[in-house]
Amino acid sequence: MPQSLSNVLVHLVFSTFHRDPTLTEPVTQHLYPYMITVLKNDGCRVVQIGGVADHIHILFAQSRTECLSDLVKAIKGSSSGLIKDLPSGRKDFAWQAGYGAFSVGAREVEPEIRYIQNQQEHHRVATFKDEFRELMRLANMEVDERYAWE
């Protein structure tokens, strides 16, 4: 085959440091478009982005030329600088060190989009820890509680 093609869909989840509720509406109206641009510049296509005050969800098609850890490093590194520079941001802002990345099948895209769009409603009854534990369970992965909640 003379060309390389891929459609690797990733549901990426990460939190603010100590789940600090920094991601307010004035912040996210700048943050989300910025993150979409960072991913687009790295060859990714963002399908959906959203979250609540202490964490973010991004559903995207991963670039076929960039590894996931480099993409996450680019997103988190540059966006933390953006947040620090915003009038409504915080100078001491930081993301948590880790992240969760979950594969999404092509048939699961619509439910994932709805899940991300409904984060505000979802978190009226579930904490970030509860949600992350459930995502890990659904992916048949284990959370090491000693390191997951910095």
N, C-alpha and C. Protein backbone atom coordinates (compact mmCIF):
# COMPACT_ATOMS: atom_id res chain seq x y z
N MET A 1 0.85 -1.17 0.00
CA MET A 1 0.00 0.00 0.00
C MET A 1 0.90 1.24 0.00
N PRO A 2 0.71 2.15 -0.92
CA PRO A 2 1.60 3.30 -1.05
C PRO A 2 1.35 4.42 -0.04
N GLN A 3 0.28 4.34 0.73
CA GLN A 3 0.04 5.39 1.73
C GLN A 3 -0.34 4.75 3.05
N SER A 4 -0.16 5.49 4.12
CA SER A 4 -0.50 5.01 5.46
C SER A 4 -1.78 5.69 5.92
N LEU A 5 -2.72 4.91 6.38
CA LEU A 5 -4.00 5.42 6.84
C LEU A 5 -4.29 4.89 8.23
N SER A 6 -4.96 5.69 9.04
CA SER A 6 -5.36 5.21 10.36
C SER A 6 -6.57 5.98 10.84
N ASN A 7 -7.31 5.36 11.73
CA ASN A 7 -8.43 6.00 12.41
C ASN A 7 -8.43 5.47 13.84
N VAL A 8 -7.42 5.85 14.58
CA VAL A 8 -7.27 5.42 15.97
C VAL A 8 -7.90 6.50 16.85
N LEU A 9 -9.03 6.16 17.43
CA LEU A 9 -9.78 7.11 18.25
C LEU A 9 -9.41 6.94 19.72
N VAL A 10 -9.15 8.06 20.38
CA VAL A 10 -8.70 8.06 21.77
C VAL A 10 -9.61 8.96 22.60
N HIS A 11 -10.03 8.45 23.74
CA HIS A 11 -10.74 9.26 24.74
C HIS A 11 -9.71 9.56 25.82
N LEU A 12 -9.26 10.80 25.86
CA LEU A 12 -8.22 11.24 26.78
C LEU A 12 -8.85 11.98 27.95
N VAL A 13 -8.42 11.65 29.17
CA VAL A 13 -8.95 12.26 30.38
C VAL A 13 -7.79 12.65 31.27
N PHE A 14 -7.79 13.90 31.74
CA PHE A 14 -6.82 14.29 32.75
C PHE A 14 -7.38 15.43 33.59
N SER A 15 -6.81 15.57 34.77
CA SER A 15 -7.34 16.48 35.78
C SER A 15 -6.38 17.63 36.04
N THR A 16 -6.92 18.66 36.64
CA THR A 16 -6.08 19.72 37.17
C THR A 16 -5.36 19.17 38.40
N PHE A 17 -4.24 19.77 38.74
CA PHE A 17 -3.47 19.33 39.90
C PHE A 17 -4.32 19.45 41.16
N HIS A 18 -4.41 18.35 41.92
CA HIS A 18 -5.23 18.26 43.13
C HIS A 18 -6.70 18.58 42.86
N ARG A 19 -7.12 18.37 41.62
CA ARG A 19 -8.49 18.62 41.20
C ARG A 19 -8.95 20.03 41.55
N ASP A 20 -8.05 20.97 41.38
CA ASP A 20 -8.36 22.37 41.61
C ASP A 20 -9.41 22.82 40.58
N PRO A 21 -10.52 23.42 41.00
CA PRO A 21 -11.61 23.77 40.07
C PRO A 21 -11.33 25.04 39.26
N THR A 22 -10.30 24.99 38.46
CA THR A 22 -9.82 26.14 37.69
C THR A 22 -10.53 26.31 36.35
N LEU A 23 -11.08 25.23 35.81
CA LEU A 23 -11.60 25.25 34.44
C LEU A 23 -13.02 25.83 34.40
N THR A 24 -13.09 27.11 34.68
CA THR A 24 -14.36 27.83 34.66
C THR A 24 -14.72 28.18 33.22
N GLU A 25 -15.93 28.65 33.01
CA GLU A 25 -16.38 29.05 31.67
C GLU A 25 -15.46 30.08 31.01
N PRO A 26 -15.03 31.13 31.72
CA PRO A 26 -14.11 32.09 31.06
C PRO A 26 -12.78 31.45 30.64
N VAL A 27 -12.35 30.43 31.37
CA VAL A 27 -11.11 29.74 31.00
C VAL A 27 -11.35 28.80 29.83
N THR A 28 -12.40 27.98 29.90
CA THR A 28 -12.61 26.98 28.86
C THR A 28 -12.97 27.58 27.51
N GLN A 29 -13.55 28.78 27.48
CA GLN A 29 -13.87 29.38 26.19
C GLN A 29 -12.59 29.72 25.41
N HIS A 30 -11.47 29.84 26.10
CA HIS A 30 -10.17 30.01 25.44
C HIS A 30 -9.43 28.67 25.33
N LEU A 31 -9.56 27.86 26.38
CA LEU A 31 -8.81 26.61 26.48
C LEU A 31 -9.20 25.60 25.40
N TYR A 32 -10.49 25.35 25.24
CA TYR A 32 -10.91 24.31 24.29
C TYR A 32 -10.48 24.60 22.86
N PRO A 33 -10.72 25.79 22.33
CA PRO A 33 -10.25 26.07 20.96
C PRO A 33 -8.71 25.96 20.86
N TYR A 34 -8.02 26.38 21.90
CA TYR A 34 -6.56 26.30 21.90
C TYR A 34 -6.11 24.85 21.82
N MET A 35 -6.71 23.98 22.64
CA MET A 35 -6.34 22.56 22.61
C MET A 35 -6.66 21.92 21.27
N ILE A 36 -7.78 22.29 20.68
CA ILE A 36 -8.13 21.77 19.36
C ILE A 36 -7.06 22.16 18.35
N THR A 37 -6.58 23.39 18.42
CA THR A 37 -5.54 23.85 17.49
C THR A 37 -4.24 23.10 17.72
N VAL A 38 -3.86 22.89 18.98
CA VAL A 38 -2.62 22.14 19.28
C VAL A 38 -2.70 20.75 18.67
N LEU A 39 -3.82 20.07 18.88
CA LEU A 39 -3.97 18.72 18.33
C LEU A 39 -4.00 18.73 16.81
N LYS A 40 -4.71 19.69 16.24
CA LYS A 40 -4.77 19.79 14.77
C LYS A 40 -3.38 20.01 14.19
N ASN A 41 -2.59 20.87 14.83
CA ASN A 41 -1.22 21.12 14.35
C ASN A 41 -0.34 19.88 14.43
N ASP A 42 -0.71 18.94 15.30
CA ASP A 42 0.02 17.68 15.41
C ASP A 42 -0.61 16.57 14.58
N GLY A 43 -1.54 16.93 13.70
CA GLY A 43 -2.11 15.96 12.77
C GLY A 43 -3.29 15.19 13.31
N CYS A 44 -3.89 15.65 14.40
CA CYS A 44 -5.04 14.97 15.00
C CYS A 44 -6.33 15.70 14.62
N ARG A 45 -7.42 14.95 14.66
CA ARG A 45 -8.75 15.52 14.44
C ARG A 45 -9.54 15.39 15.73
N VAL A 46 -9.95 16.52 16.30
CA VAL A 46 -10.72 16.49 17.53
C VAL A 46 -12.18 16.26 17.19
N VAL A 47 -12.78 15.28 17.85
CA VAL A 47 -14.18 14.94 17.64
C VAL A 47 -15.05 15.66 18.67
N GLN A 48 -14.61 15.67 19.93
CA GLN A 48 -15.37 16.32 21.00
C GLN A 48 -14.41 16.67 22.13
N ILE A 49 -14.67 17.80 22.76
CA ILE A 49 -13.90 18.22 23.92
C ILE A 49 -14.86 18.80 24.94
N GLY A 50 -14.60 18.54 26.21
CA GLY A 50 -15.46 19.06 27.26
C GLY A 50 -14.94 18.63 28.62
N GLY A 51 -15.69 18.96 29.62
CA GLY A 51 -15.29 18.60 30.97
C GLY A 51 -16.02 19.42 32.00
N VAL A 52 -15.46 19.46 33.18
CA VAL A 52 -15.98 20.25 34.28
C VAL A 52 -14.81 21.01 34.89
N ALA A 53 -15.04 21.68 36.01
CA ALA A 53 -14.05 22.60 36.58
C ALA A 53 -12.72 21.96 36.95
N ASP A 54 -12.70 20.64 37.18
CA ASP A 54 -11.45 20.03 37.63
C ASP A 54 -10.85 18.99 36.68
N HIS A 55 -11.48 18.74 35.54
CA HIS A 55 -10.86 17.81 34.59
C HIS A 55 -11.46 17.98 33.19
N ILE A 56 -10.77 17.36 32.25
CA ILE A 56 -11.13 17.52 30.84
C ILE A 56 -11.20 16.17 30.14
N HIS A 57 -12.06 16.09 29.14
CA HIS A 57 -12.18 14.92 28.27
C HIS A 57 -11.96 15.39 26.83
N ILE A 58 -11.16 14.65 26.08
CA ILE A 58 -10.97 14.97 24.67
C ILE A 58 -11.09 13.66 23.88
N LEU A 59 -12.00 13.62 22.95
CA LEU A 59 -12.12 12.50 22.02
C LEU A 59 -11.50 12.96 20.71
N PHE A 60 -10.48 12.25 20.25
CA PHE A 60 -9.80 12.66 19.03
C PHE A 60 -9.27 11.47 18.25
N ALA A 61 -9.06 11.70 16.96
CA ALA A 61 -8.41 10.71 16.10
C ALA A 61 -6.92 11.00 16.15
N GLN A 62 -6.16 10.04 16.65
CA GLN A 62 -4.73 10.24 16.85
C GLN A 62 -3.99 10.32 15.52
N SER A 63 -3.04 11.23 15.47
CA SER A 63 -2.16 11.35 14.31
C SER A 63 -1.45 10.02 14.08
N ARG A 64 -1.24 9.69 12.84
CA ARG A 64 -0.52 8.45 12.55
C ARG A 64 0.99 8.61 12.68
N THR A 65 1.44 9.86 12.91
CA THR A 65 2.89 10.10 13.00
C THR A 65 3.36 10.55 14.38
N GLU A 66 2.44 10.76 15.30
CA GLU A 66 2.81 11.22 16.65
C GLU A 66 2.38 10.20 17.69
N CYS A 67 3.25 9.94 18.66
CA CYS A 67 2.87 9.00 19.72
C CYS A 67 2.01 9.72 20.76
N LEU A 68 1.19 8.95 21.44
CA LEU A 68 0.23 9.50 22.38
C LEU A 68 0.89 10.33 23.48
N SER A 69 1.95 9.82 24.07
CA SER A 69 2.58 10.56 25.18
C SER A 69 3.10 11.91 24.72
N ASP A 70 3.61 12.01 23.49
CA ASP A 70 4.07 13.31 22.98
C ASP A 70 2.90 14.27 22.76
N LEU A 71 1.78 13.73 22.29
CA LEU A 71 0.59 14.56 22.10
C LEU A 71 0.08 15.11 23.43
N VAL A 72 0.03 14.25 24.44
CA VAL A 72 -0.45 14.69 25.75
C VAL A 72 0.50 15.73 26.33
N LYS A 73 1.79 15.50 26.18
CA LYS A 73 2.78 16.46 26.68
C LYS A 73 2.58 17.83 26.00
N ALA A 74 2.35 17.82 24.71
CA ALA A 74 2.14 19.08 23.97
C ALA A 74 0.87 19.79 24.42
N ILE A 75 -0.21 19.03 24.59
CA ILE A 75 -1.49 19.61 25.00
C ILE A 75 -1.38 20.21 26.40
N LYS A 76 -0.88 19.41 27.32
CA LYS A 76 -0.84 19.87 28.71
C LYS A 76 0.19 20.98 28.91
N GLY A 77 1.34 20.85 28.29
CA GLY A 77 2.40 21.85 28.47
C GLY A 77 2.01 23.22 27.96
N SER A 78 1.53 23.26 26.74
CA SER A 78 1.21 24.57 26.16
C SER A 78 -0.07 25.16 26.77
N SER A 79 -1.04 24.32 27.08
CA SER A 79 -2.29 24.85 27.64
C SER A 79 -2.12 25.34 29.07
N SER A 80 -1.20 24.77 29.82
CA SER A 80 -0.99 25.30 31.18
C SER A 80 -0.43 26.72 31.10
N GLY A 81 0.42 26.98 30.11
CA GLY A 81 0.91 28.34 29.90
C GLY A 81 -0.21 29.29 29.52
N LEU A 82 -1.11 28.83 28.66
CA LEU A 82 -2.26 29.65 28.28
C LEU A 82 -3.10 30.02 29.49
N ILE A 83 -3.41 29.04 30.32
CA ILE A 83 -4.25 29.28 31.50
C ILE A 83 -3.58 30.26 32.45
N LYS A 84 -2.29 30.13 32.64
CA LYS A 84 -1.55 31.04 33.53
C LYS A 84 -1.60 32.48 33.02
N ASP A 85 -1.66 32.65 31.71
CA ASP A 85 -1.66 33.99 31.11
C ASP A 85 -3.04 34.62 30.99
N LEU A 86 -4.09 33.86 31.16
CA LEU A 86 -5.45 34.40 31.04
C LEU A 86 -5.78 35.28 32.24
N PRO A 87 -6.52 36.38 32.03
CA PRO A 87 -6.95 37.20 33.16
C PRO A 87 -7.78 36.39 34.17
N SER A 88 -8.56 35.43 33.67
CA SER A 88 -9.39 34.61 34.55
C SER A 88 -8.68 33.33 35.00
N GLY A 89 -7.42 33.15 34.58
CA GLY A 89 -6.66 31.96 34.96
C GLY A 89 -5.91 32.16 36.26
N ARG A 90 -5.05 31.20 36.57
CA ARG A 90 -4.26 31.27 37.80
C ARG A 90 -2.80 31.12 37.47
N LYS A 91 -1.97 31.92 38.09
CA LYS A 91 -0.52 31.90 37.83
C LYS A 91 0.13 30.61 38.31
N ASP A 92 -0.48 29.94 39.28
CA ASP A 92 0.09 28.69 39.82
C ASP A 92 -0.58 27.45 39.22
N PHE A 93 -1.28 27.59 38.09
CA PHE A 93 -2.01 26.47 37.50
C PHE A 93 -1.08 25.35 37.07
N ALA A 94 -1.56 24.12 37.25
CA ALA A 94 -0.84 22.93 36.76
C ALA A 94 -1.85 21.82 36.50
N TRP A 95 -1.52 20.96 35.55
CA TRP A 95 -2.28 19.73 35.32
C TRP A 95 -1.69 18.64 36.20
N GLN A 96 -2.48 17.61 36.48
CA GLN A 96 -1.93 16.44 37.17
C GLN A 96 -0.88 15.82 36.26
N ALA A 97 0.02 15.06 36.84
CA ALA A 97 1.11 14.47 36.05
C ALA A 97 0.60 13.42 35.06
N GLY A 98 -0.35 12.62 35.45
CA GLY A 98 -0.77 11.51 34.61
C GLY A 98 -1.99 11.81 33.76
N TYR A 99 -2.47 10.77 33.12
CA TYR A 99 -3.66 10.86 32.28
C TYR A 99 -4.22 9.47 32.05
N GLY A 100 -5.43 9.41 31.57
CA GLY A 100 -6.02 8.15 31.12
C GLY A 100 -6.33 8.27 29.65
N ALA A 101 -5.99 7.25 28.90
CA ALA A 101 -6.28 7.23 27.47
C ALA A 101 -6.95 5.90 27.15
N PHE A 102 -8.10 5.99 26.51
CA PHE A 102 -8.91 4.81 26.26
C PHE A 102 -9.26 4.73 24.78
N SER A 103 -9.12 3.56 24.21
CA SER A 103 -9.46 3.39 22.80
C SER A 103 -10.97 3.40 22.63
N VAL A 104 -11.40 3.93 21.50
CA VAL A 104 -12.83 4.03 21.20
C VAL A 104 -13.04 3.46 19.80
N GLY A 105 -13.95 2.50 19.71
CA GLY A 105 -14.28 1.93 18.41
C GLY A 105 -15.14 2.89 17.60
N ALA A 106 -15.09 2.75 16.29
CA ALA A 106 -15.84 3.64 15.41
C ALA A 106 -17.34 3.63 15.73
N ARG A 107 -17.85 2.50 16.17
CA ARG A 107 -19.28 2.41 16.50
C ARG A 107 -19.61 3.05 17.85
N GLU A 108 -18.61 3.36 18.64
CA GLU A 108 -18.82 3.94 19.96
C GLU A 108 -18.68 5.46 19.97
N VAL A 109 -18.44 6.07 18.83
CA VAL A 109 -18.18 7.50 18.78
C VAL A 109 -19.36 8.32 19.27
N GLU A 110 -20.55 8.05 18.79
CA GLU A 110 -21.73 8.85 19.18
C GLU A 110 -21.99 8.77 20.68
N PRO A 111 -21.98 7.58 21.30
CA PRO A 111 -22.15 7.54 22.76
C PRO A 111 -21.04 8.28 23.51
N GLU A 112 -19.82 8.23 23.01
CA GLU A 112 -18.71 8.95 23.65
C GLU A 112 -18.91 10.47 23.55
N ILE A 113 -19.37 10.92 22.39
CA ILE A 113 -19.65 12.35 22.22
C ILE A 113 -20.70 12.80 23.23
N ARG A 114 -21.78 12.04 23.34
CA ARG A 114 -22.84 12.40 24.29
C ARG A 114 -22.31 12.38 25.73
N TYR A 115 -21.48 11.40 26.04
CA TYR A 115 -20.91 11.30 27.39
C TYR A 115 -20.10 12.55 27.71
N ILE A 116 -19.27 12.99 26.79
CA ILE A 116 -18.44 14.18 27.02
C ILE A 116 -19.32 15.43 27.08
N GLN A 117 -20.31 15.52 26.23
CA GLN A 117 -21.20 16.68 26.23
C GLN A 117 -22.00 16.79 27.54
N ASN A 118 -22.25 15.67 28.19
CA ASN A 118 -23.08 15.65 29.40
C ASN A 118 -22.27 15.63 30.69
N GLN A 119 -21.05 16.10 30.66
CA GLN A 119 -20.20 16.08 31.85
C GLN A 119 -20.80 16.86 33.02
N GLN A 120 -21.36 18.01 32.77
CA GLN A 120 -21.92 18.80 33.87
C GLN A 120 -22.99 18.01 34.61
N GLU A 121 -23.88 17.41 33.86
CA GLU A 121 -24.95 16.61 34.47
C GLU A 121 -24.38 15.37 35.17
N HIS A 122 -23.47 14.70 34.52
CA HIS A 122 -22.86 13.49 35.08
C HIS A 122 -22.21 13.77 36.44
N HIS A 123 -21.55 14.90 36.56
CA HIS A 123 -20.81 15.19 37.79
C HIS A 123 -21.65 15.82 38.88
N ARG A 124 -22.94 15.87 38.67
CA ARG A 124 -23.83 16.24 39.79
C ARG A 124 -23.94 15.07 40.76
N VAL A 125 -23.67 13.86 40.26
CA VAL A 125 -23.80 12.66 41.11
C VAL A 125 -22.52 11.84 41.23
N ALA A 126 -21.54 12.10 40.40
CA ALA A 126 -20.30 11.30 40.42
C ALA A 126 -19.08 12.21 40.53
N THR A 127 -18.12 11.80 41.34
CA THR A 127 -16.87 12.54 41.45
C THR A 127 -15.93 12.15 40.33
N PHE A 128 -14.88 12.92 40.15
CA PHE A 128 -13.85 12.56 39.17
C PHE A 128 -13.27 11.19 39.49
N LYS A 129 -12.99 10.92 40.75
CA LYS A 129 -12.43 9.62 41.13
C LYS A 129 -13.38 8.49 40.75
N ASP A 130 -14.66 8.66 41.05
CA ASP A 130 -15.65 7.64 40.69
C ASP A 130 -15.67 7.42 39.18
N GLU A 131 -15.69 8.52 38.45
CA GLU A 131 -15.73 8.44 36.99
C GLU A 131 -14.49 7.74 36.45
N PHE A 132 -13.31 8.13 36.94
CA PHE A 132 -12.07 7.55 36.43
C PHE A 132 -11.99 6.06 36.76
N ARG A 133 -12.40 5.70 37.95
CA ARG A 133 -12.41 4.27 38.32
C ARG A 133 -13.32 3.49 37.37
N GLU A 134 -14.48 4.07 37.02
CA GLU A 134 -15.41 3.39 36.12
C GLU A 134 -14.82 3.29 34.71
N LEU A 135 -14.18 4.34 34.23
CA LEU A 135 -13.55 4.27 32.92
C LEU A 135 -12.47 3.18 32.90
N MET A 136 -11.72 3.09 33.96
CA MET A 136 -10.69 2.05 34.05
C MET A 136 -11.33 0.66 34.08
N ARG A 137 -12.41 0.51 34.83
CA ARG A 137 -13.09 -0.78 34.90
C ARG A 137 -13.61 -1.20 33.53
N LEU A 138 -14.22 -0.27 32.82
CA LEU A 138 -14.76 -0.56 31.49
C LEU A 138 -13.66 -0.93 30.50
N ALA A 139 -12.46 -0.42 30.72
CA ALA A 139 -11.33 -0.72 29.85
C ALA A 139 -10.53 -1.93 30.34
N ASN A 140 -11.05 -2.61 31.36
CA ASN A 140 -10.36 -3.77 31.96
C ASN A 140 -8.96 -3.42 32.43
N MET A 141 -8.85 -2.26 33.06
CA MET A 141 -7.58 -1.80 33.59
C MET A 141 -7.73 -1.60 35.10
N GLU A 142 -6.60 -1.64 35.80
CA GLU A 142 -6.62 -1.41 37.24
C GLU A 142 -5.99 -0.06 37.56
N VAL A 143 -6.55 0.61 38.55
CA VAL A 143 -6.00 1.87 39.03
C VAL A 143 -5.17 1.58 40.27
N ASP A 144 -3.94 2.06 40.29
CA ASP A 144 -3.14 1.98 41.49
C ASP A 144 -3.45 3.24 42.30
N GLU A 145 -4.29 3.09 43.30
CA GLU A 145 -4.78 4.22 44.08
C GLU A 145 -3.66 5.02 44.74
N ARG A 146 -2.50 4.42 44.93
CA ARG A 146 -1.38 5.13 45.56
C ARG A 146 -0.86 6.27 44.68
N TYR A 147 -1.05 6.14 43.36
CA TYR A 147 -0.45 7.10 42.44
C TYR A 147 -1.46 7.87 41.58
N ALA A 148 -2.71 7.53 41.67
CA ALA A 148 -3.70 8.09 40.77
C ALA A 148 -4.22 9.46 41.17
N TRP A 149 -4.11 9.82 42.42
CA TRP A 149 -4.82 11.00 42.90
C TRP A 149 -3.92 12.07 43.47
N GLU A 150 -2.88 12.45 42.78
CA GLU A 150 -1.97 13.48 43.29
C GLU A 150 -2.68 14.79 43.56
